[in-house]
Amino acid sequence: MPTIIESIHAKFYQNGWEIEKDLKKAFYWYQKSIINAKCYQNGWGIKIDLENAFHWYQESSIQNNSNSLYNLAKCYQNGLGIKIDNIKSFEIYEKLAKQGYCDAQNKLGFFYENGEITKEFFLVMEYAKCGNLQNYLKRNFDNLTWNDKTRLSFQIADGLNYLHNEDILHRDLHSKNIVIHENNAKITDFGISKIENNSTMHIGLFSRIAYMEPQMLISQNFKYIKPSDIYSYGVLMWEISSGHPPFIDYNDNLLIAIINQTREKTIPKTPEKC
């Protein structure tokens, strides 16, 4: 039978009250609190009691255990053993999301998607631990094999293929719009993406001239199409093979150079086939 003694034991060991401080034992007793909560919530060996389940999640969350905090937030969100309190639930999910707790990130996305709490709407995406492709190459290029580079290129191509199959044009593909998470490349930043049948745009909207199809630099009325994205992808492949952004030595004269058909040279030892 779960008792309050277990939680008291944890607090005594955690704070060293009248006994020697022992965080391992404190963790043990807090872990017992989590188990008690699940027993009460699911009726494992005891009658379901949501108020007691909430109490034990609250007790075990004192140590900032992510699992306990997540379950505590669910209690507040769904009114399990406690009155519904979306503000408290939101605050806990937000705290866990910042720590990289994926389930909490999804829950936080639900709040934003429905405009709850903040009454604002946001696009919530997975956090990419390794940052954007450009910075990733700066830090890791010397350790990347050609197989690694090929894999990154294929992953970007796969993402672009998915967009094009949905008739979506990215229109701003460059190495700062590719993020790396657990060694996998993902396309992001769809700020100026459009459905293919609405794709005429002014070049001033682009943030990276070096990745742009040259024809766009000549005509402001150029119709952006799927091959335009593919040109940008080709520049990305060159960047992955070289380890640095294209035309790194150019500045104000880059626009004229590209119009005059200046291109980067193939990196030595680049495989002819993948």
Protein backbone atom coordinates (compact mmCIF):
# COMPACT_ATOMS: atom_id res chain seq x y z
CA MET A 1 0.00 0.00 0.00
CA PRO A 2 1.53 3.37 -1.00
CA THR A 3 2.16 5.65 1.95
CA ILE A 4 3.26 9.24 2.57
CA ILE A 5 6.33 7.85 4.36
CA GLU A 6 8.04 7.14 1.03
CA SER A 7 7.85 10.77 -0.01
CA ILE A 8 9.06 11.92 3.41
CA HIS A 9 12.02 9.52 3.15
CA ALA A 10 12.95 11.07 -0.19
CA LYS A 11 12.83 14.61 1.20
CA PHE A 12 14.96 13.70 4.23
CA TYR A 13 17.64 12.06 2.08
CA GLN A 14 17.55 14.87 -0.49
CA ASN A 15 17.99 17.68 2.03
CA GLY A 16 20.01 15.90 4.72
CA TRP A 17 17.44 16.53 7.43
CA GLU A 18 18.69 14.75 10.57
CA ILE A 19 20.42 12.15 8.40
CA GLU A 20 23.37 12.09 6.02
CA LYS A 21 22.49 13.53 2.62
CA ASP A 22 22.15 10.72 0.08
CA LEU A 23 20.84 11.68 -3.37
CA LYS A 24 20.82 8.07 -4.58
CA LYS A 25 18.45 7.09 -1.79
CA ALA A 26 16.43 10.24 -2.40
CA PHE A 27 16.10 9.22 -6.05
CA TYR A 28 15.01 5.72 -4.99
CA TRP A 29 12.19 7.02 -2.83
CA TYR A 30 11.06 9.55 -5.41
CA GLN A 31 11.01 6.73 -7.95
CA LYS A 32 8.75 4.80 -5.59
CA SER A 33 6.43 7.81 -5.63
CA ILE A 34 6.19 7.60 -9.43
CA ILE A 35 5.27 3.92 -9.22
CA ASN A 36 2.63 4.70 -6.59
CA ALA A 37 1.13 7.33 -8.88
CA LYS A 38 0.87 4.88 -11.77
CA CYS A 39 -0.73 2.27 -9.50
CA TYR A 40 -3.42 4.70 -8.39
CA GLN A 41 -3.95 6.02 -11.93
CA ASN A 42 -4.29 2.63 -13.60
CA GLY A 43 -5.70 0.52 -10.77
CA TRP A 44 -2.67 -1.76 -10.53
CA GLY A 45 -3.23 -3.81 -7.37
CA ILE A 46 -5.38 -1.07 -5.88
CA LYS A 47 -8.61 0.78 -6.59
CA ILE A 48 -8.24 3.61 -9.11
CA ASP A 49 -7.89 6.88 -7.23
CA LEU A 50 -7.02 9.85 -9.46
CA GLU A 51 -6.65 12.27 -6.56
CA ASN A 52 -3.99 10.06 -5.00
CA ALA A 53 -2.36 9.56 -8.41
CA PHE A 54 -2.10 13.34 -8.77
CA HIS A 55 -0.67 13.60 -5.25
CA TRP A 56 2.10 11.10 -5.99
CA TYR A 57 2.99 12.68 -9.33
CA GLN A 58 3.24 15.97 -7.48
CA GLU A 59 5.48 14.44 -4.80
CA SER A 60 7.81 12.73 -7.28
CA SER A 61 8.06 15.88 -9.43
CA ILE A 62 9.85 17.70 -6.60
CA GLN A 63 13.13 16.30 -7.93
CA ASN A 64 12.26 17.67 -11.41
CA ASN A 65 11.89 14.17 -12.82
CA SER A 66 10.80 14.69 -16.45
CA ASN A 67 8.41 11.74 -16.50
CA SER A 68 6.72 12.89 -13.28
CA LEU A 69 6.42 16.47 -14.48
CA TYR A 70 4.96 15.32 -17.80
CA ASN A 71 2.32 13.21 -16.05
CA LEU A 72 1.60 16.07 -13.65
CA ALA A 73 1.00 18.37 -16.62
CA LYS A 74 -1.40 15.80 -18.11
CA CYS A 75 -3.30 15.74 -14.82
CA TYR A 76 -3.70 19.51 -14.92
CA GLN A 77 -4.64 19.44 -18.60
CA ASN A 78 -7.25 16.68 -18.35
CA GLY A 79 -8.52 17.24 -14.81
CA LEU A 80 -7.18 13.94 -13.45
CA GLY A 81 -7.47 14.15 -9.67
CA ILE A 82 -7.37 17.95 -9.78
CA LYS A 83 -9.37 20.77 -11.32
CA ILE A 84 -8.36 21.50 -14.93
CA ASP A 85 -5.70 24.20 -14.99
CA ASN A 86 -4.41 24.80 -18.52
CA ILE A 87 -2.05 27.54 -17.41
CA LYS A 88 -0.15 25.24 -15.04
CA SER A 89 -0.22 22.47 -17.62
CA PHE A 90 1.14 24.83 -20.29
CA GLU A 91 3.94 26.07 -18.00
CA ILE A 92 5.12 22.53 -17.24
CA TYR A 93 5.01 21.45 -20.89
CA GLU A 94 6.94 24.59 -21.83
CA LYS A 95 9.62 23.84 -19.22
CA LEU A 96 10.02 20.25 -20.43
CA ALA A 97 9.96 21.27 -24.11
CA LYS A 98 12.93 23.59 -23.53
CA GLN A 99 14.79 20.61 -22.04
CA GLY A 100 14.20 18.62 -25.23
CA TYR A 101 11.40 16.36 -23.90
CA CYS A 102 9.75 15.35 -27.20
CA ASP A 103 6.30 14.41 -25.86
CA ALA A 104 6.08 17.76 -24.09
CA GLN A 105 7.04 19.53 -27.33
CA ASN A 106 4.12 17.82 -29.05
CA LYS A 107 1.75 18.80 -26.23
CA LEU A 108 3.00 22.38 -26.37
CA GLY A 109 2.33 22.34 -30.09
CA PHE A 110 -1.27 21.34 -29.35
CA PHE A 111 -1.73 24.41 -27.15
CA TYR A 112 -0.26 26.72 -29.78
CA GLU A 113 -2.18 25.04 -32.59
CA ASN A 114 -5.48 25.68 -30.83
CA GLY A 115 -4.56 29.16 -29.62
CA GLU A 116 -5.03 28.14 -26.00
CA ILE A 117 -3.43 30.14 -23.19
CA THR A 118 -1.57 32.60 -25.43
CA LYS A 119 -4.35 33.10 -28.02
CA GLU A 120 -1.55 33.14 -30.57
CA PHE A 121 -0.67 30.64 -33.29
CA PHE A 122 2.82 29.29 -33.92
CA LEU A 123 4.41 26.67 -36.12
CA VAL A 124 6.03 24.20 -33.71
CA MET A 125 8.82 22.07 -35.16
CA GLU A 126 11.27 19.51 -33.88
CA TYR A 127 14.40 20.95 -32.27
CA ALA A 128 17.53 20.20 -34.31
CA LYS A 129 20.40 19.70 -31.88
CA CYS A 130 23.22 20.11 -34.41
CA GLY A 131 22.05 23.43 -35.87
CA ASN A 132 22.02 24.36 -39.54
CA LEU A 133 23.99 22.62 -42.28
CA GLN A 134 26.43 25.49 -42.79
CA ASN A 135 27.56 25.48 -39.15
CA TYR A 136 27.48 21.69 -39.02
CA LEU A 137 29.95 21.50 -41.91
CA LYS A 138 32.24 24.04 -40.24
CA ARG A 139 32.42 21.95 -37.09
CA ASN A 140 32.43 18.44 -38.51
CA PHE A 141 33.66 18.51 -42.10
CA ASP A 142 37.08 16.97 -41.41
CA ASN A 143 35.38 13.94 -39.84
CA LEU A 144 32.85 13.36 -42.62
CA THR A 145 33.42 10.56 -45.12
CA TRP A 146 32.09 10.65 -48.67
CA ASN A 147 29.42 8.22 -47.51
CA ASP A 148 28.36 10.75 -44.86
CA LYS A 149 28.22 13.54 -47.45
CA THR A 150 26.27 11.35 -49.86
CA ARG A 151 23.79 10.43 -47.13
CA LEU A 152 23.15 14.09 -46.28
CA SER A 153 22.67 14.89 -49.98
CA PHE A 154 20.19 12.03 -50.42
CA GLN A 155 18.21 13.13 -47.35
CA ILE A 156 17.87 16.68 -48.67
CA ALA A 157 16.88 15.33 -52.10
CA ASP A 158 14.28 13.11 -50.47
CA GLY A 159 12.77 16.07 -48.63
CA LEU A 160 12.74 18.20 -51.77
CA ASN A 161 11.16 15.36 -53.73
CA TYR A 162 8.38 15.16 -51.13
CA LEU A 163 7.67 18.89 -51.49
CA HIS A 164 7.64 18.72 -55.27
CA ASN A 165 5.30 15.72 -55.25
CA GLU A 166 2.89 17.95 -53.31
CA ASP A 167 3.45 20.70 -55.91
CA ILE A 168 5.18 22.89 -53.31
CA LEU A 169 8.22 24.98 -54.24
CA HIS A 170 10.62 25.88 -51.45
CA ARG A 171 12.15 28.88 -53.28
CA ASP A 172 14.80 29.70 -50.68
CA LEU A 173 16.93 26.58 -50.39
CA HIS A 174 20.37 27.18 -48.86
CA SER A 175 22.58 25.73 -46.13
CA LYS A 176 21.06 27.81 -43.33
CA ASN A 177 17.64 26.43 -44.20
CA ILE A 178 18.80 22.84 -43.75
CA VAL A 179 19.07 21.62 -40.16
CA ILE A 180 20.87 18.57 -38.81
CA HIS A 181 19.38 16.40 -36.08
CA GLU A 182 21.01 13.14 -35.01
CA ASN A 183 23.10 13.18 -38.22
CA ASN A 184 20.01 13.53 -40.40
CA ALA A 185 19.37 16.51 -42.70
CA LYS A 186 15.94 18.15 -42.77
CA ILE A 187 14.60 21.03 -44.85
CA THR A 188 13.14 23.95 -42.90
CA ASP A 189 12.10 27.61 -43.21
CA PHE A 190 9.19 27.66 -45.63
CA GLY A 191 8.70 31.41 -45.23
CA ILE A 192 8.33 32.09 -48.97
CA SER A 193 7.23 28.65 -50.16
CA LYS A 194 4.28 28.58 -52.53
CA ILE A 195 2.12 26.23 -54.53
CA GLU A 196 3.66 25.82 -57.98
CA ASN A 197 0.95 27.68 -59.90
CA ASN A 198 1.65 30.91 -57.99
CA SER A 199 5.38 31.25 -58.31
CA THR A 200 6.39 34.55 -59.91
CA MET A 201 8.46 36.59 -57.48
CA HIS A 202 10.98 39.39 -57.21
CA ILE A 203 14.56 38.38 -56.49
CA GLY A 204 14.75 40.84 -53.60
CA LEU A 205 12.89 38.32 -51.46
CA PHE A 206 15.78 35.88 -51.66
CA SER A 207 18.33 35.87 -48.87
CA ARG A 208 21.07 33.91 -50.68
CA ILE A 209 22.03 34.98 -54.22
CA ALA A 210 24.68 32.26 -54.57
CA TYR A 211 21.99 29.55 -54.45
CA MET A 212 19.64 31.19 -56.95
CA GLU A 213 19.02 30.01 -60.48
CA PRO A 214 20.92 32.57 -62.66
CA GLN A 215 17.89 33.26 -64.85
CA MET A 216 16.20 34.81 -61.83
CA LEU A 217 18.96 37.41 -61.62
CA ILE A 218 18.25 38.50 -65.17
CA SER A 219 14.46 38.73 -65.19
CA GLN A 220 12.24 39.97 -62.38
CA ASN A 221 9.28 38.23 -64.02
CA PHE A 222 10.99 34.87 -64.13
CA LYS A 223 8.56 32.09 -63.26
CA TYR A 224 10.01 30.00 -60.48
CA ILE A 225 9.57 26.27 -61.18
CA LYS A 226 10.74 22.97 -59.72
CA PRO A 227 14.09 23.00 -61.59
CA SER A 228 14.80 26.30 -59.82
CA ASP A 229 14.74 24.44 -56.49
CA ILE A 230 16.88 21.73 -58.04
CA TYR A 231 19.50 24.29 -59.08
CA SER A 232 19.68 25.44 -55.44
CA TYR A 233 19.99 21.81 -54.40
CA GLY A 234 22.94 21.38 -56.78
CA VAL A 235 24.70 24.29 -55.09
CA LEU A 236 24.01 22.63 -51.73
CA MET A 237 25.63 19.43 -52.98
CA TRP A 238 28.73 21.42 -53.92
CA GLU A 239 28.77 22.96 -50.43
CA ILE A 240 28.52 19.53 -48.81
CA SER A 241 31.41 18.28 -50.93
CA SER A 242 33.61 21.32 -50.23
CA GLY A 243 32.75 22.09 -46.62
CA HIS A 244 32.14 25.81 -47.12
CA PRO A 245 29.50 28.10 -48.69
CA PRO A 246 29.64 28.85 -52.43
CA PHE A 247 31.53 31.89 -53.76
CA ILE A 248 33.05 32.53 -50.34
CA ASP A 249 35.67 34.88 -51.85
CA TYR A 250 33.16 37.07 -53.67
CA ASN A 251 31.34 40.12 -52.32
CA ASP A 252 29.61 42.94 -54.21
CA ASN A 253 30.56 41.56 -57.61
CA LEU A 254 28.93 38.16 -57.05
CA LEU A 255 25.74 39.07 -58.90
CA ILE A 256 27.62 40.06 -62.07
CA ALA A 257 29.90 37.03 -61.79
CA ILE A 258 26.96 34.59 -61.71
CA ILE A 259 25.20 36.34 -64.61
CA ASN A 260 28.46 35.98 -66.55
CA GLN A 261 28.30 32.22 -65.93
CA THR A 262 30.92 32.01 -63.19
CA ARG A 263 30.50 28.73 -61.34
CA GLU A 264 32.33 26.92 -58.57
CA LYS A 265 34.68 24.14 -59.68
CA THR A 266 34.12 20.49 -58.83
CA ILE A 267 35.94 19.46 -55.66
CA PRO A 268 38.80 16.99 -56.35
CA LYS A 269 37.99 13.32 -55.66
CA THR A 270 34.25 13.94 -55.75
CA PRO A 271 32.68 10.54 -56.62
CA GLU A 272 31.22 10.42 -60.12
CA LYS A 273 28.50 8.03 -58.95
CA CYS A 274 26.70 7.67 -55.63
